Amino acid sequence: MLTRLCDSLRSVRHQEQVDGWIALSYALGSRKPVRGKVASLTDVSPAQIYEMNRAAPGSEWFNQMTSDDWRAHSRQLVRLHRSAYACCVASHWTARSMVSDHGVDPARVHVVGLGHDIVAVSPSRNWSVPRFLFIGRDWQRKNGDAVIRAFARLRPAWP
C-alpha cells in the first residue's frame, strides 16, 4: 500500500506548482515521493510510541512487529522527521522528544496541535446530567475496561 501511495503522489502533474506537502509520518515512513518542501506531521515520536507500547502492551500493530521490524520502522520515521522542512507535532511533549530523543533540529520543530478551532456555542440542553463518550481504537492500550468500570460506578448517581 505504501508503494502505491508514493507512486500516486509521484504521478501528480505539475508538482512544481505545489508550495509544500504534509507527510503523515505513519503513512509515508521515510519515503519522500515528491519534489519540494515536505513537512512531517505526527502526534507522537517513535520513542514515545515505543515507551507507550512497552508500558501498556496491547496494540495489535505494535505486537505484530519483531524487534528488528520496529527498529527499521523507527529509523524510517526518524529519517522523515529529520529531513523534513518542518517537523510539525501535536504537543510540547512530542516536540521535546523529537529534539532530545531523535536529534531533530529544534528550529524545525513546530507545535501545531491537532483538530480545528471550535466555535463556542451556547448549550442547547441541560448539562446537569452528564453524557460520556469514550473514543479509543486500541481498547487495551486506552484501558477500555477501566472506562466501562468507571461508567458502571457512575450510573447509580446519574441514571
Protein backbone atom coordinates (compact mmCIF):
# COMPACT_ATOMS: atom_id res chain seq x y z
CA MET A 1 0.00 0.00 0.00
CA LEU A 2 2.83 2.41 0.85
CA THR A 3 4.45 1.88 -2.54
CA ARG A 4 1.12 2.52 -4.28
CA LEU A 5 0.59 5.72 -2.28
CA CYS A 6 4.06 7.02 -3.12
CA ASP A 7 3.63 6.14 -6.80
CA SER A 8 0.31 8.00 -6.85
CA LEU A 9 1.87 11.09 -5.31
CA ARG A 10 4.77 10.98 -7.78
CA SER A 11 2.28 10.94 -10.65
CA VAL A 12 0.76 14.29 -9.65
CA ARG A 13 1.30 16.59 -12.59
CA HIS A 14 2.91 19.97 -12.08
CA GLN A 15 4.46 19.18 -8.71
CA GLU A 16 6.48 22.36 -9.12
CA GLN A 17 3.26 24.34 -8.64
CA VAL A 18 2.72 22.86 -5.18
CA ASP A 19 4.12 25.04 -2.38
CA GLY A 20 4.53 22.21 0.08
CA TRP A 21 3.46 18.75 1.13
CA ILE A 22 2.46 17.39 4.52
CA ALA A 23 3.57 13.83 5.22
CA LEU A 24 1.74 11.99 7.98
CA SER A 25 4.59 10.04 9.50
CA TYR A 26 2.65 6.80 9.86
CA ALA A 27 1.60 6.93 6.20
CA LEU A 28 4.88 7.61 4.45
CA GLY A 29 7.64 6.47 6.76
CA SER A 30 10.91 7.79 5.37
CA ARG A 31 9.81 7.93 1.75
CA LYS A 32 9.82 11.29 0.06
CA PRO A 33 7.70 10.69 -3.02
CA VAL A 34 7.51 14.29 -4.19
CA ARG A 35 9.77 17.19 -5.07
CA GLY A 36 9.73 20.30 -2.95
CA LYS A 37 9.22 21.08 0.69
CA VAL A 38 7.80 18.30 2.84
CA ALA A 39 6.57 18.87 6.39
CA SER A 40 6.12 15.89 8.67
CA LEU A 41 3.10 15.74 10.99
CA THR A 42 2.68 13.46 13.99
CA ASP A 43 1.14 13.29 17.44
CA VAL A 44 3.89 11.12 18.99
CA SER A 45 7.57 10.46 18.40
CA PRO A 46 8.97 7.00 17.70
CA ALA A 47 10.45 6.93 21.24
CA GLN A 48 7.03 7.74 22.69
CA ILE A 49 5.33 5.04 20.62
CA TYR A 50 7.84 2.51 21.89
CA GLU A 51 7.51 3.58 25.54
CA MET A 52 3.70 3.65 25.45
CA ASN A 53 3.51 0.16 23.99
CA ARG A 54 6.19 -1.19 26.30
CA ALA A 55 4.43 0.24 29.37
CA ALA A 56 0.94 -0.88 28.33
CA PRO A 57 1.18 -3.72 25.81
CA GLY A 58 -1.90 -4.29 23.76
CA SER A 59 -1.51 -2.57 20.42
CA GLU A 60 -2.04 -5.24 17.78
CA TRP A 61 0.04 -3.29 15.27
CA PHE A 62 2.99 -2.96 17.66
CA ASN A 63 2.75 -6.52 19.00
CA GLN A 64 2.90 -7.98 15.48
CA MET A 65 6.27 -6.34 14.84
CA THR A 66 9.54 -8.08 15.62
CA SER A 67 12.26 -6.07 17.35
CA ASP A 68 14.09 -5.77 14.04
CA ASP A 69 10.90 -4.60 12.29
CA TRP A 70 10.33 -1.96 14.97
CA ARG A 71 13.93 -0.68 14.80
CA ALA A 72 13.73 -0.40 11.00
CA HIS A 73 10.36 1.35 11.16
CA SER A 74 11.59 3.71 13.86
CA ARG A 75 14.69 4.60 11.82
CA GLN A 76 12.46 5.39 8.83
CA LEU A 77 10.29 7.70 10.92
CA VAL A 78 13.29 9.46 12.43
CA ARG A 79 14.77 9.99 8.92
CA LEU A 80 11.48 11.51 7.76
CA HIS A 81 11.32 13.94 10.68
CA ARG A 82 15.00 14.91 10.48
CA SER A 83 14.86 15.56 6.75
CA ALA A 84 11.55 17.44 6.79
CA TYR A 85 11.49 21.14 6.03
CA ALA A 86 9.32 21.42 9.15
CA CYS A 87 8.59 18.78 11.78
CA CYS A 88 5.05 19.54 12.98
CA VAL A 89 3.92 17.90 16.21
CA ALA A 90 0.77 17.90 18.31
CA SER A 91 2.29 18.80 21.69
CA HIS A 92 5.28 20.26 23.51
CA TRP A 93 5.84 16.77 24.94
CA THR A 94 6.35 15.38 21.44
CA ALA A 95 8.45 18.39 20.41
CA ARG A 96 10.85 17.75 23.32
CA SER A 97 11.11 14.08 22.35
CA MET A 98 11.81 14.87 18.69
CA VAL A 99 14.72 17.08 19.75
CA SER A 100 16.15 15.11 22.69
CA ASP A 101 15.41 11.53 21.61
CA HIS A 102 15.81 11.83 17.85
CA GLY A 103 18.08 14.80 17.19
CA VAL A 104 15.64 16.80 15.09
CA ASP A 105 16.81 20.41 14.70
CA PRO A 106 14.81 22.42 17.28
CA ALA A 107 14.45 25.28 14.80
CA ARG A 108 12.43 22.99 12.54
CA VAL A 109 10.15 21.53 15.24
CA HIS A 110 6.78 23.30 15.50
CA VAL A 111 3.92 22.56 17.90
CA VAL A 112 0.79 22.87 15.78
CA GLY A 113 -1.75 20.86 17.75
CA LEU A 114 -4.40 18.78 16.06
CA GLY A 115 -8.00 19.44 15.17
CA HIS A 116 -9.58 22.78 14.49
CA ASP A 117 -10.75 25.83 16.38
CA ILE A 118 -14.12 25.08 17.86
CA VAL A 119 -16.60 27.92 17.92
CA ALA A 120 -18.25 28.20 21.31
CA VAL A 121 -22.00 27.70 21.19
CA SER A 122 -24.50 28.17 23.93
CA PRO A 123 -25.67 24.87 25.39
CA SER A 124 -28.94 23.62 23.99
CA ARG A 125 -29.53 21.02 26.67
CA ASN A 126 -29.49 20.62 30.43
CA TRP A 127 -25.86 19.90 31.33
CA SER A 128 -26.63 18.92 34.92
CA VAL A 129 -27.00 15.33 33.69
CA PRO A 130 -23.67 14.34 32.14
CA ARG A 131 -23.11 12.34 28.97
CA PHE A 132 -19.93 10.39 28.48
CA LEU A 133 -18.18 9.41 25.29
CA PHE A 134 -15.15 7.13 25.07
CA ILE A 135 -13.20 7.11 21.82
CA GLY A 136 -10.43 4.56 21.61
CA ARG A 137 -9.40 2.40 18.69
CA ASP A 138 -6.94 0.35 20.70
CA TRP A 139 -9.12 -0.99 23.54
CA GLN A 140 -6.32 -2.43 25.69
CA ARG A 141 -3.87 0.47 25.37
CA LYS A 142 -6.66 3.01 26.02
CA ASN A 143 -7.74 0.92 29.04
CA GLY A 144 -11.30 0.49 27.81
CA ASP A 145 -12.15 -1.99 30.58
CA ALA A 146 -11.38 0.65 33.23
CA VAL A 147 -13.61 3.13 31.40
CA ILE A 148 -16.52 0.65 31.45
CA ARG A 149 -15.98 0.01 35.17
CA ALA A 150 -15.94 3.77 35.83
CA PHE A 151 -19.18 4.24 33.86
CA ALA A 152 -20.78 1.41 35.87
CA ARG A 153 -19.84 3.16 39.13
CA LEU A 154 -21.25 6.48 37.91
CA ARG A 155 -24.53 5.00 36.62
CA PRO A 156 -26.33 4.93 40.03
CA ALA A 157 -25.55 8.63 40.58
CA TRP A 158 -26.57 9.66 37.04
CA PRO A 159 -29.08 7.13 35.63
